[in-house]
Amino acid sequence: MSNVVSWSLQMTVRDGQLEEAKALVPEMVEATRSEPGALTYEYFLSHDGTSCHIYERYADSEAVLAHLGNFGSNFAERFMECFEPKSFSVYGPASDDVRGALDAFGAGYFNTLDGFSR
């Protein structure tokens, strides 16, 4: 069984914050690029610029916690000024520490039933 933890976060771009969000996201992507265990980190913006989805995938819960430490220290305040979380689904064997950190965002957790990733 895989230790990979991933998630999909759907958000609304707060009114008047689209340009700030467009400036913030590349900073966050660049910072996350060098994190060990960060496997996938992708942002998707709706055509009208009102909704943003994020797909993140990490090697294990330790990699998630390292990312969350970086996020909290460097980006959380600006991120929450730009985005309002709407739906947050976490996939895989998230540790209790990861769950404790993500509960504040209203995360729902899903354990692996079956499947594969290439």
N, C-alpha and C. Protein backbone atom coordinates (compact mmCIF):
# COMPACT_ATOMS: atom_id res chain seq x y z
N MET A 1 0.84 -1.19 0.00
CA MET A 1 0.00 0.00 0.00
C MET A 1 0.89 1.26 0.00
N SER A 2 0.48 2.23 -0.72
CA SER A 2 1.25 3.47 -0.88
C SER A 2 1.12 4.38 0.34
N ASN A 3 2.18 5.12 0.62
CA ASN A 3 2.16 6.14 1.68
C ASN A 3 1.81 7.51 1.14
N VAL A 4 1.55 7.61 -0.17
CA VAL A 4 1.28 8.89 -0.81
C VAL A 4 0.02 9.53 -0.24
N VAL A 5 0.11 10.82 0.06
CA VAL A 5 -1.02 11.62 0.51
C VAL A 5 -1.22 12.71 -0.53
N SER A 6 -2.44 12.86 -1.00
CA SER A 6 -2.74 13.91 -1.98
C SER A 6 -4.04 14.60 -1.59
N TRP A 7 -4.30 15.71 -2.26
CA TRP A 7 -5.57 16.39 -2.01
C TRP A 7 -5.97 17.27 -3.17
N SER A 8 -7.25 17.58 -3.13
CA SER A 8 -7.85 18.52 -4.06
C SER A 8 -8.56 19.57 -3.22
N LEU A 9 -8.19 20.81 -3.43
CA LEU A 9 -8.77 21.93 -2.70
C LEU A 9 -9.44 22.86 -3.70
N GLN A 10 -10.74 23.08 -3.53
CA GLN A 10 -11.49 24.00 -4.39
C GLN A 10 -11.74 25.28 -3.61
N MET A 11 -11.48 26.41 -4.27
CA MET A 11 -11.59 27.70 -3.60
C MET A 11 -12.25 28.73 -4.49
N THR A 12 -12.75 29.76 -3.86
CA THR A 12 -13.22 30.95 -4.54
C THR A 12 -12.13 32.01 -4.42
N VAL A 13 -11.89 32.72 -5.50
CA VAL A 13 -10.96 33.85 -5.45
C VAL A 13 -11.74 35.02 -4.83
N ARG A 14 -11.22 35.55 -3.76
CA ARG A 14 -11.92 36.64 -3.07
C ARG A 14 -12.00 37.87 -3.98
N ASP A 15 -13.09 38.62 -3.83
CA ASP A 15 -13.31 39.82 -4.64
C ASP A 15 -12.10 40.75 -4.56
N GLY A 16 -11.66 41.19 -5.73
CA GLY A 16 -10.55 42.13 -5.81
C GLY A 16 -9.18 41.52 -5.58
N GLN A 17 -9.08 40.20 -5.45
CA GLN A 17 -7.81 39.56 -5.12
C GLN A 17 -7.19 38.75 -6.26
N LEU A 18 -7.77 38.81 -7.45
CA LEU A 18 -7.26 37.99 -8.54
C LEU A 18 -5.81 38.31 -8.90
N GLU A 19 -5.47 39.56 -9.01
CA GLU A 19 -4.10 39.93 -9.38
C GLU A 19 -3.11 39.54 -8.29
N GLU A 20 -3.50 39.72 -7.04
CA GLU A 20 -2.63 39.30 -5.93
C GLU A 20 -2.45 37.78 -5.94
N ALA A 21 -3.53 37.04 -6.22
CA ALA A 21 -3.44 35.59 -6.31
C ALA A 21 -2.50 35.17 -7.43
N LYS A 22 -2.61 35.83 -8.58
CA LYS A 22 -1.74 35.51 -9.72
C LYS A 22 -0.27 35.81 -9.41
N ALA A 23 -0.01 36.76 -8.53
CA ALA A 23 1.37 37.05 -8.12
C ALA A 23 1.85 36.06 -7.06
N LEU A 24 0.97 35.65 -6.17
CA LEU A 24 1.31 34.75 -5.07
C LEU A 24 1.59 33.33 -5.53
N VAL A 25 0.77 32.81 -6.40
CA VAL A 25 0.87 31.40 -6.78
C VAL A 25 2.25 31.03 -7.33
N PRO A 26 2.85 31.78 -8.25
CA PRO A 26 4.19 31.40 -8.71
C PRO A 26 5.23 31.37 -7.59
N GLU A 27 5.12 32.25 -6.61
CA GLU A 27 6.02 32.22 -5.46
C GLU A 27 5.87 30.92 -4.69
N MET A 28 4.62 30.50 -4.49
CA MET A 28 4.35 29.28 -3.75
C MET A 28 4.83 28.05 -4.53
N VAL A 29 4.62 28.06 -5.84
CA VAL A 29 5.06 26.95 -6.67
C VAL A 29 6.58 26.83 -6.60
N GLU A 30 7.27 27.93 -6.73
CA GLU A 30 8.74 27.90 -6.70
C GLU A 30 9.25 27.41 -5.35
N ALA A 31 8.65 27.87 -4.27
CA ALA A 31 9.07 27.43 -2.93
C ALA A 31 8.81 25.95 -2.72
N THR A 32 7.71 25.45 -3.24
CA THR A 32 7.35 24.04 -3.07
C THR A 32 8.19 23.14 -3.96
N ARG A 33 8.63 23.63 -5.09
CA ARG A 33 9.42 22.84 -6.05
C ARG A 33 10.63 22.18 -5.38
N SER A 34 11.25 22.85 -4.42
CA SER A 34 12.47 22.32 -3.79
C SER A 34 12.19 21.49 -2.54
N GLU A 35 10.94 21.32 -2.16
CA GLU A 35 10.62 20.52 -0.98
C GLU A 35 10.76 19.02 -1.29
N PRO A 36 11.58 18.32 -0.51
CA PRO A 36 11.67 16.87 -0.70
C PRO A 36 10.30 16.23 -0.46
N GLY A 37 9.92 15.32 -1.31
CA GLY A 37 8.66 14.62 -1.14
C GLY A 37 7.46 15.29 -1.77
N ALA A 38 7.62 16.50 -2.29
CA ALA A 38 6.53 17.15 -3.02
C ALA A 38 6.53 16.59 -4.44
N LEU A 39 5.50 15.83 -4.79
CA LEU A 39 5.45 15.13 -6.07
C LEU A 39 4.66 15.88 -7.13
N THR A 40 3.57 16.50 -6.73
CA THR A 40 2.72 17.26 -7.66
C THR A 40 2.19 18.48 -6.91
N TYR A 41 2.22 19.62 -7.60
CA TYR A 41 1.73 20.86 -6.99
C TYR A 41 1.21 21.73 -8.12
N GLU A 42 -0.09 21.67 -8.37
CA GLU A 42 -0.69 22.33 -9.52
C GLU A 42 -1.90 23.17 -9.14
N TYR A 43 -1.95 24.37 -9.70
CA TYR A 43 -3.08 25.28 -9.52
C TYR A 43 -3.83 25.38 -10.84
N PHE A 44 -5.16 25.46 -10.75
CA PHE A 44 -6.02 25.59 -11.93
C PHE A 44 -7.00 26.73 -11.68
N LEU A 45 -7.11 27.65 -12.64
CA LEU A 45 -7.97 28.83 -12.50
C LEU A 45 -9.10 28.76 -13.51
N SER A 46 -10.32 29.03 -13.06
CA SER A 46 -11.46 29.04 -13.97
C SER A 46 -11.29 30.15 -15.01
N HIS A 47 -11.99 29.98 -16.12
CA HIS A 47 -11.90 30.95 -17.23
C HIS A 47 -12.23 32.37 -16.77
N ASP A 48 -13.20 32.49 -15.87
CA ASP A 48 -13.61 33.83 -15.43
C ASP A 48 -12.81 34.34 -14.23
N GLY A 49 -11.85 33.54 -13.74
CA GLY A 49 -10.99 33.98 -12.66
C GLY A 49 -11.64 34.03 -11.29
N THR A 50 -12.77 33.35 -11.12
CA THR A 50 -13.46 33.39 -9.83
C THR A 50 -13.24 32.15 -8.97
N SER A 51 -12.78 31.06 -9.59
CA SER A 51 -12.56 29.81 -8.86
C SER A 51 -11.15 29.30 -9.13
N CYS A 52 -10.57 28.69 -8.12
CA CYS A 52 -9.24 28.10 -8.25
C CYS A 52 -9.25 26.74 -7.58
N HIS A 53 -8.66 25.75 -8.25
CA HIS A 53 -8.51 24.42 -7.68
C HIS A 53 -7.02 24.13 -7.57
N ILE A 54 -6.65 23.40 -6.52
CA ILE A 54 -5.27 22.97 -6.32
C ILE A 54 -5.26 21.46 -6.22
N TYR A 55 -4.28 20.84 -6.89
CA TYR A 55 -4.03 19.41 -6.71
C TYR A 55 -2.61 19.28 -6.20
N GLU A 56 -2.47 18.65 -5.02
CA GLU A 56 -1.16 18.45 -4.42
C GLU A 56 -0.98 16.97 -4.10
N ARG A 57 0.25 16.49 -4.24
CA ARG A 57 0.56 15.09 -4.00
C ARG A 57 1.93 15.01 -3.34
N TYR A 58 2.01 14.27 -2.22
CA TYR A 58 3.24 14.17 -1.44
C TYR A 58 3.59 12.71 -1.20
N ALA A 59 4.90 12.43 -1.06
CA ALA A 59 5.39 11.07 -0.89
C ALA A 59 4.84 10.40 0.36
N ASP A 60 4.61 11.19 1.41
CA ASP A 60 4.12 10.63 2.67
C ASP A 60 3.70 11.77 3.59
N SER A 61 3.23 11.40 4.77
CA SER A 61 2.76 12.41 5.73
C SER A 61 3.89 13.33 6.19
N GLU A 62 5.11 12.82 6.30
CA GLU A 62 6.23 13.68 6.70
C GLU A 62 6.46 14.79 5.67
N ALA A 63 6.33 14.45 4.38
CA ALA A 63 6.48 15.47 3.34
C ALA A 63 5.36 16.50 3.42
N VAL A 64 4.16 16.05 3.73
CA VAL A 64 3.03 16.98 3.91
C VAL A 64 3.33 17.94 5.04
N LEU A 65 3.79 17.43 6.17
CA LEU A 65 4.07 18.29 7.32
C LEU A 65 5.18 19.30 7.02
N ALA A 66 6.19 18.88 6.26
CA ALA A 66 7.25 19.81 5.85
C ALA A 66 6.66 20.92 4.99
N HIS A 67 5.78 20.55 4.05
CA HIS A 67 5.14 21.55 3.20
C HIS A 67 4.28 22.50 4.02
N LEU A 68 3.50 21.95 4.92
CA LEU A 68 2.62 22.80 5.72
C LEU A 68 3.41 23.76 6.59
N GLY A 69 4.59 23.36 7.06
CA GLY A 69 5.44 24.26 7.82
C GLY A 69 5.92 25.42 6.95
N ASN A 70 6.33 25.13 5.73
CA ASN A 70 6.75 26.16 4.79
C ASN A 70 5.59 27.08 4.45
N PHE A 71 4.43 26.48 4.16
CA PHE A 71 3.24 27.26 3.83
C PHE A 71 2.86 28.19 4.99
N GLY A 72 2.81 27.64 6.20
CA GLY A 72 2.40 28.43 7.36
C GLY A 72 3.34 29.59 7.64
N SER A 73 4.63 29.34 7.50
CA SER A 73 5.63 30.36 7.80
C SER A 73 5.70 31.46 6.75
N ASN A 74 5.43 31.10 5.50
CA ASN A 74 5.72 32.02 4.41
C ASN A 74 4.52 32.52 3.61
N PHE A 75 3.42 31.77 3.60
CA PHE A 75 2.36 32.10 2.65
C PHE A 75 0.93 32.11 3.20
N ALA A 76 0.69 31.53 4.34
CA ALA A 76 -0.69 31.31 4.81
C ALA A 76 -1.52 32.59 4.86
N GLU A 77 -0.95 33.64 5.41
CA GLU A 77 -1.72 34.89 5.56
C GLU A 77 -2.14 35.45 4.21
N ARG A 78 -1.19 35.55 3.28
CA ARG A 78 -1.51 36.08 1.94
C ARG A 78 -2.47 35.14 1.20
N PHE A 79 -2.26 33.84 1.36
CA PHE A 79 -3.11 32.85 0.71
C PHE A 79 -4.57 33.03 1.14
N MET A 80 -4.79 33.15 2.43
CA MET A 80 -6.16 33.29 2.95
C MET A 80 -6.78 34.64 2.58
N GLU A 81 -5.96 35.65 2.32
CA GLU A 81 -6.48 36.93 1.84
C GLU A 81 -6.98 36.81 0.40
N CYS A 82 -6.37 35.89 -0.36
CA CYS A 82 -6.71 35.72 -1.78
C CYS A 82 -7.82 34.72 -2.02
N PHE A 83 -7.87 33.67 -1.21
CA PHE A 83 -8.75 32.55 -1.49
C PHE A 83 -9.65 32.20 -0.32
N GLU A 84 -10.85 31.75 -0.64
CA GLU A 84 -11.78 31.21 0.37
C GLU A 84 -12.01 29.73 0.05
N PRO A 85 -11.51 28.83 0.91
CA PRO A 85 -11.70 27.40 0.67
C PRO A 85 -13.19 27.04 0.65
N LYS A 86 -13.57 26.18 -0.29
CA LYS A 86 -14.95 25.73 -0.42
C LYS A 86 -15.09 24.23 -0.19
N SER A 87 -14.16 23.45 -0.70
CA SER A 87 -14.20 22.01 -0.58
C SER A 87 -12.78 21.48 -0.55
N PHE A 88 -12.51 20.57 0.38
CA PHE A 88 -11.15 20.07 0.58
C PHE A 88 -11.21 18.57 0.81
N SER A 89 -10.71 17.79 -0.14
CA SER A 89 -10.70 16.34 -0.04
C SER A 89 -9.26 15.85 0.01
N VAL A 90 -8.94 15.06 1.04
CA VAL A 90 -7.59 14.53 1.24
C VAL A 90 -7.66 13.03 0.99
N TYR A 91 -6.69 12.52 0.21
CA TYR A 91 -6.68 11.12 -0.21
C TYR A 91 -5.45 10.41 0.31
N GLY A 92 -5.63 9.20 0.80
CA GLY A 92 -4.51 8.38 1.24
C GLY A 92 -4.34 8.38 2.75
N PRO A 93 -3.26 7.73 3.22
CA PRO A 93 -3.06 7.51 4.66
C PRO A 93 -2.48 8.71 5.39
N ALA A 94 -3.26 9.77 5.50
CA ALA A 94 -2.81 10.96 6.22
C ALA A 94 -2.66 10.63 7.71
N SER A 95 -1.51 11.00 8.28
CA SER A 95 -1.27 10.74 9.70
C SER A 95 -2.18 11.61 10.56
N ASP A 96 -2.23 11.28 11.85
CA ASP A 96 -3.01 12.09 12.78
C ASP A 96 -2.51 13.53 12.82
N ASP A 97 -1.19 13.72 12.72
CA ASP A 97 -0.63 15.08 12.72
C ASP A 97 -1.08 15.85 11.48
N VAL A 98 -1.08 15.19 10.33
CA VAL A 98 -1.55 15.84 9.10
C VAL A 98 -3.03 16.19 9.24
N ARG A 99 -3.82 15.24 9.71
CA ARG A 99 -5.25 15.50 9.90
C ARG A 99 -5.48 16.67 10.84
N GLY A 100 -4.73 16.72 11.91
CA GLY A 100 -4.87 17.82 12.86
C GLY A 100 -4.57 19.17 12.22
N ALA A 101 -3.58 19.19 11.33
CA ALA A 101 -3.22 20.44 10.65
C ALA A 101 -4.25 20.84 9.60
N LEU A 102 -4.82 19.85 8.91
CA LEU A 102 -5.74 20.16 7.80
C LEU A 102 -7.20 20.30 8.24
N ASP A 103 -7.52 19.85 9.44
CA ASP A 103 -8.90 19.98 9.93
C ASP A 103 -9.37 21.43 9.93
N ALA A 104 -8.45 22.36 10.19
CA ALA A 104 -8.80 23.78 10.24
C ALA A 104 -9.33 24.29 8.90
N PHE A 105 -8.99 23.58 7.81
CA PHE A 105 -9.47 23.96 6.48
C PHE A 105 -10.73 23.20 6.08
N GLY A 106 -11.29 22.42 7.01
CA GLY A 106 -12.51 21.69 6.72
C GLY A 106 -12.30 20.46 5.86
N ALA A 107 -11.13 19.83 5.97
CA ALA A 107 -10.80 18.69 5.12
C ALA A 107 -11.69 17.48 5.42
N GLY A 108 -12.02 16.75 4.34
CA GLY A 108 -12.63 15.44 4.44
C GLY A 108 -11.59 14.42 4.01
N TYR A 109 -11.58 13.25 4.63
CA TYR A 109 -10.51 12.27 4.40
C TYR A 109 -11.05 11.02 3.74
N PHE A 110 -10.28 10.52 2.77
CA PHE A 110 -10.66 9.33 2.02
C PHE A 110 -9.48 8.37 1.98
N ASN A 111 -9.70 7.14 2.47
CA ASN A 111 -8.67 6.11 2.41
C ASN A 111 -8.72 5.41 1.07
N THR A 112 -7.58 4.90 0.64
CA THR A 112 -7.50 4.19 -0.61
C THR A 112 -8.33 2.91 -0.56
N LEU A 113 -9.15 2.69 -1.56
CA LEU A 113 -9.92 1.46 -1.68
C LEU A 113 -9.21 0.54 -2.65
N ASP A 114 -8.84 1.05 -3.83
CA ASP A 114 -8.15 0.27 -4.85
C ASP A 114 -7.72 1.22 -5.96
N GLY A 115 -6.82 0.77 -6.81
CA GLY A 115 -6.41 1.57 -7.95
C GLY A 115 -4.91 1.59 -8.10
N PHE A 116 -4.44 2.41 -9.04
CA PHE A 116 -3.01 2.54 -9.26
C PHE A 116 -2.70 3.93 -9.79
N SER A 117 -1.42 4.28 -9.67
CA SER A 117 -0.92 5.54 -10.22
C SER A 117 0.37 5.23 -10.95
N ARG A 118 0.56 5.81 -12.12
CA ARG A 118 1.80 5.59 -12.87
C ARG A 118 2.67 6.81 -12.84
